[in-house]
Amino acid sequence: MLFRSDGPDRCEISSVVPGSAAEAAGLIRDDVIIGIEDTKVTRFKDLQDAVNKHIPGDEVEVRFQRGGEIQTVKLRLRRLEES
């Protein structure tokens, strides 16, 4: 996933790498990540910190906003080269 920042309070996906864990979980461009497990995400650093608490193979719950609606998906973390 690549992210763009539309301000200090947003972690918005700018693109999803084909074959990635994000794509497999159904995340798409313009989704805004708002949480990983129990961690609130308001910026890219929050996302990095939350993901870094886990290892490849862990399944995490990702909360995101799409079109004004909050949704949740399970995502199995993996190394980029495994995508």
Protein backbone atom coordinates (compact mmCIF):
# COMPACT_ATOMS: atom_id res chain seq x y z
CA MET A 1 0.00 0.00 0.00
CA LEU A 2 1.05 3.53 -0.60
CA PHE A 3 -0.41 6.34 1.45
CA ARG A 4 -1.02 10.01 0.99
CA SER A 5 -1.56 12.47 3.77
CA ASP A 6 -4.42 14.94 3.45
CA GLY A 7 -3.54 16.48 6.79
CA PRO A 8 -2.35 15.38 10.21
CA ASP A 9 -5.49 13.35 10.95
CA ARG A 10 -5.69 11.02 7.96
CA CYS A 11 -4.05 7.81 6.78
CA GLU A 12 -5.49 7.48 3.29
CA ILE A 13 -4.48 4.77 0.82
CA SER A 14 -3.21 6.25 -2.45
CA SER A 15 -2.64 2.88 -4.15
CA VAL A 16 -2.65 -0.83 -3.38
CA VAL A 17 0.15 -3.10 -4.60
CA PRO A 18 -1.24 -5.93 -6.77
CA GLY A 19 -0.96 -9.28 -4.97
CA SER A 20 -0.39 -7.63 -1.58
CA ALA A 21 -2.03 -8.51 1.72
CA ALA A 22 -3.98 -5.24 1.47
CA GLU A 23 -5.38 -6.24 -1.91
CA ALA A 24 -6.25 -9.73 -0.62
CA ALA A 25 -8.14 -8.11 2.27
CA GLY A 26 -10.12 -5.94 -0.15
CA LEU A 27 -8.61 -2.57 0.71
CA ILE A 28 -8.72 -0.08 -2.15
CA ARG A 29 -7.49 3.37 -3.12
CA ASP A 30 -9.03 6.19 -1.04
CA ASP A 31 -9.86 3.94 1.93
CA VAL A 32 -8.84 5.71 5.15
CA ILE A 33 -7.24 3.46 7.78
CA ILE A 34 -8.59 4.40 11.21
CA GLY A 35 -7.39 1.50 13.34
CA ILE A 36 -5.28 -1.64 13.63
CA GLU A 37 -6.42 -3.98 16.40
CA ASP A 38 -6.83 -1.72 19.48
CA THR A 39 -4.63 1.08 18.10
CA LYS A 40 -6.24 4.23 16.72
CA VAL A 41 -4.63 5.35 13.46
CA THR A 42 -4.71 9.02 12.51
CA ARG A 43 -1.48 9.21 10.52
CA PHE A 44 0.93 6.93 8.70
CA LYS A 45 3.31 6.69 11.69
CA ASP A 46 0.46 5.29 13.82
CA LEU A 47 -0.08 2.60 11.20
CA GLN A 48 3.64 1.75 11.05
CA ASP A 49 3.86 1.51 14.86
CA ALA A 50 0.77 -0.72 15.07
CA VAL A 51 1.98 -3.08 12.32
CA ASN A 52 5.48 -3.24 13.82
CA LYS A 53 4.02 -4.83 16.97
CA HIS A 54 3.31 -7.92 14.87
CA ILE A 55 5.25 -10.33 12.69
CA PRO A 56 4.57 -11.71 9.21
CA GLY A 57 1.87 -14.35 9.43
CA ASP A 58 -0.08 -12.55 12.17
CA GLU A 59 -3.68 -11.76 11.36
CA VAL A 60 -4.79 -8.26 12.38
CA GLU A 61 -8.10 -6.48 12.36
CA VAL A 62 -8.05 -3.34 10.23
CA ARG A 63 -10.72 -0.68 10.65
CA PHE A 64 -11.16 1.70 7.75
CA GLN A 65 -13.55 4.23 6.35
CA ARG A 66 -14.90 3.94 2.81
CA GLY A 67 -17.46 6.36 1.46
CA GLY A 68 -18.38 7.60 4.94
CA GLU A 69 -18.96 4.06 6.26
CA ILE A 70 -16.67 2.35 8.79
CA GLN A 71 -15.76 -1.23 7.91
CA THR A 72 -13.53 -3.93 9.36
CA VAL A 73 -11.43 -6.60 7.63
CA LYS A 74 -8.94 -9.23 8.77
CA LEU A 75 -5.56 -8.97 7.11
CA ARG A 76 -2.74 -11.52 7.31
CA LEU A 77 0.57 -9.66 7.47
CA ARG A 78 3.35 -10.76 5.17
CA ARG A 79 6.62 -9.48 3.85
CA LEU A 80 6.41 -7.41 0.68
CA GLU A 81 8.44 -9.99 -1.26
CA GLU A 82 5.78 -12.59 -0.34
CA SER A 83 3.13 -10.53 -2.15
